[in-house]
């Protein structure tokens, strides 16, 4: 079990890990070891996540989400496989935690009387400046 919040946890079998060769520096060692981690999590078919969290996660994931609803996270920052694995898992947990947060609904408000008068005063001042810049008829 992978804990996400106090009330939410993922099963280990919901996550599919695939190891590949990492890019970047590493000398000769990088060409023979598979240290990069590609973590796949099927958001749409996950029994652990509520529907509201799934919907927010689909929005938050962006281009890391495939067309069939699978979240793909890659980690290749470290030179060791266990560190990259932990990094990818931390990225997944952070993304799901962000999706668990319900945004507050926005309350519609009206502008204050003071802000309206300030806006109109600045418009009148600006209009007066532009009027002074205009050429007067007969002043050619």
Protein backbone atom coordinates (compact mmCIF):
# COMPACT_ATOMS: atom_id res chain seq x y z
CA UNK A 1 0.00 0.00 0.00
CA UNK A 2 1.23 3.47 -0.94
CA UNK A 3 -0.22 6.15 1.36
CA UNK A 4 -1.45 9.32 -0.37
CA UNK A 5 -3.53 11.03 2.33
CA UNK A 6 -4.87 9.88 5.70
CA UNK A 7 -7.90 8.33 4.02
CA UNK A 8 -6.48 7.39 0.60
CA UNK A 9 -3.91 4.79 -0.40
CA UNK A 10 -2.95 3.04 -3.64
CA UNK A 11 -2.35 -0.66 -4.08
CA UNK A 12 1.12 -1.64 -5.25
CA UNK A 13 -0.32 -3.68 -8.13
CA UNK A 14 -1.96 -0.57 -9.67
CA UNK A 15 1.47 0.82 -10.58
CA UNK A 16 3.49 -0.58 -13.45
CA UNK A 17 7.22 0.18 -13.51
CA UNK A 18 9.45 -0.21 -16.52
CA UNK A 19 13.19 0.41 -16.43
CA UNK A 20 15.11 1.82 -19.39
CA UNK A 21 18.53 3.25 -20.10
CA UNK A 22 18.87 6.81 -18.90
CA UNK A 23 20.04 9.75 -20.96
CA UNK A 24 22.70 12.22 -19.95
CA UNK A 25 26.06 11.88 -18.19
CA UNK A 26 27.28 8.67 -16.65
CA UNK A 27 30.24 7.56 -18.72
CA UNK A 28 30.45 3.95 -19.87
CA UNK A 29 28.17 2.88 -17.04
CA UNK A 30 25.12 4.61 -18.58
CA UNK A 31 25.29 2.41 -21.69
CA UNK A 32 24.92 -0.89 -19.85
CA UNK A 33 22.52 -0.25 -16.95
CA UNK A 34 18.82 0.49 -16.95
CA UNK A 35 18.48 3.15 -14.28
CA UNK A 36 15.69 5.34 -15.67
CA UNK A 37 12.19 4.54 -14.43
CA UNK A 38 8.99 4.87 -16.43
CA UNK A 39 6.05 4.59 -14.04
CA UNK A 40 2.58 3.96 -15.45
CA UNK A 41 -0.62 4.41 -13.43
CA UNK A 42 -4.06 3.76 -14.95
CA UNK A 43 -6.12 6.62 -13.54
CA UNK A 44 -9.40 5.79 -15.28
CA UNK A 45 -9.52 2.15 -14.11
CA UNK A 46 -8.11 2.72 -10.61
CA UNK A 47 -10.45 1.40 -7.88
CA UNK A 48 -8.61 3.36 -5.17
CA UNK A 49 -9.39 6.88 -6.41
CA UNK A 50 -12.79 8.60 -6.10
CA UNK A 51 -14.30 9.97 -9.31
CA UNK A 52 -13.79 13.61 -8.32
CA UNK A 53 -10.07 13.01 -7.70
CA UNK A 54 -9.78 11.17 -11.02
CA UNK A 55 -11.32 14.11 -12.88
CA UNK A 56 -8.97 16.64 -11.23
CA UNK A 57 -5.98 14.34 -11.82
CA UNK A 58 -6.80 14.11 -15.53
CA UNK A 59 -6.75 17.92 -15.66
CA UNK A 60 -3.54 18.30 -13.64
CA UNK A 61 -1.55 15.64 -15.48
CA UNK A 62 -1.59 17.48 -18.80
CA UNK A 63 0.61 15.88 -21.43
CA UNK A 64 1.79 13.15 -19.04
CA UNK A 65 -1.63 11.54 -19.55
CA UNK A 66 -2.18 9.22 -22.51
CA UNK A 67 -5.39 9.18 -24.54
CA UNK A 68 -6.65 6.05 -22.76
CA UNK A 69 -6.22 7.59 -19.29
CA UNK A 70 -2.83 6.22 -18.23
CA UNK A 71 -0.51 8.56 -16.32
CA UNK A 72 3.15 8.17 -17.36
CA UNK A 73 5.86 9.55 -15.08
CA UNK A 74 9.56 9.25 -15.91
CA UNK A 75 12.49 9.73 -13.57
CA UNK A 76 16.13 9.64 -14.68
CA UNK A 77 17.73 12.35 -12.59
CA UNK A 78 19.80 10.01 -10.41
CA UNK A 79 22.37 7.43 -11.43
CA UNK A 80 20.84 4.62 -9.39
CA UNK A 81 17.65 2.72 -10.07
CA UNK A 82 16.30 2.80 -6.47
CA UNK A 83 16.66 6.58 -6.25
CA UNK A 84 14.92 7.10 -9.60
CA UNK A 85 12.18 4.69 -8.52
CA UNK A 86 11.63 6.63 -5.29
CA UNK A 87 11.67 9.92 -7.23
CA UNK A 88 9.01 8.71 -9.69
CA UNK A 89 6.84 7.44 -6.85
CA UNK A 90 7.19 10.77 -5.02
CA UNK A 91 6.12 12.62 -8.19
CA UNK A 92 3.04 10.38 -8.47
CA UNK A 93 2.10 10.86 -4.81
CA UNK A 94 2.53 14.65 -5.06
CA UNK A 95 0.35 14.80 -8.18
CA UNK A 96 -2.43 12.74 -6.59
CA UNK A 97 -2.24 14.82 -3.40
CA UNK A 98 -2.68 17.96 -5.48
CA UNK A 99 -5.70 16.37 -7.17
CA UNK A 100 -7.20 15.49 -3.77
CA UNK A 101 -7.35 19.17 -2.84
CA UNK A 102 -10.82 20.49 -3.65
CA UNK A 103 -10.68 24.09 -4.92
CA UNK A 104 -12.85 26.60 -3.09
CA UNK A 105 -15.80 27.79 -5.16
CA UNK A 106 -15.47 31.37 -6.30
CA UNK A 107 -17.97 33.82 -4.88
CA UNK A 108 -19.19 36.46 -7.31
CA UNK A 109 -18.55 39.96 -5.95
CA UNK A 110 -19.39 43.42 -7.18
CA UNK A 111 -16.88 46.26 -7.43
CA UNK A 112 -16.90 48.71 -4.54
CA UNK A 113 -18.22 52.24 -4.94
CA UNK A 114 -14.72 53.63 -4.33
CA UNK A 115 -13.14 51.47 -7.03
CA UNK A 116 -15.83 52.55 -9.49
CA UNK A 117 -15.25 56.25 -8.81
CA UNK A 118 -11.46 55.83 -9.04
CA UNK A 119 -11.84 54.07 -12.38
CA UNK A 120 -14.13 56.76 -13.78
CA UNK A 121 -11.87 59.56 -12.48
CA UNK A 122 -8.82 58.05 -14.17
CA UNK A 123 -10.78 57.65 -17.42
CA UNK A 124 -11.88 61.29 -17.29
CA UNK A 125 -8.30 62.43 -16.59
CA UNK A 126 -6.97 60.36 -19.48
CA UNK A 127 -9.69 61.69 -21.79
CA UNK A 128 -8.80 65.26 -20.82
CA UNK A 129 -5.13 64.66 -21.67
CA UNK A 130 -6.10 63.28 -25.07
CA UNK A 131 -8.44 66.24 -25.69
CA UNK A 132 -5.59 68.67 -25.01
CA UNK A 133 -3.40 66.84 -27.54
CA UNK A 134 -5.92 67.22 -30.36
CA UNK A 135 -5.45 69.89 -33.00
CA UNK A 136 -7.97 72.64 -32.70
CA UNK A 137 -9.77 73.79 -35.86
CA UNK A 138 -8.22 76.98 -37.28
CA UNK A 139 -4.77 76.28 -35.72
CA UNK A 140 -3.09 74.97 -38.86
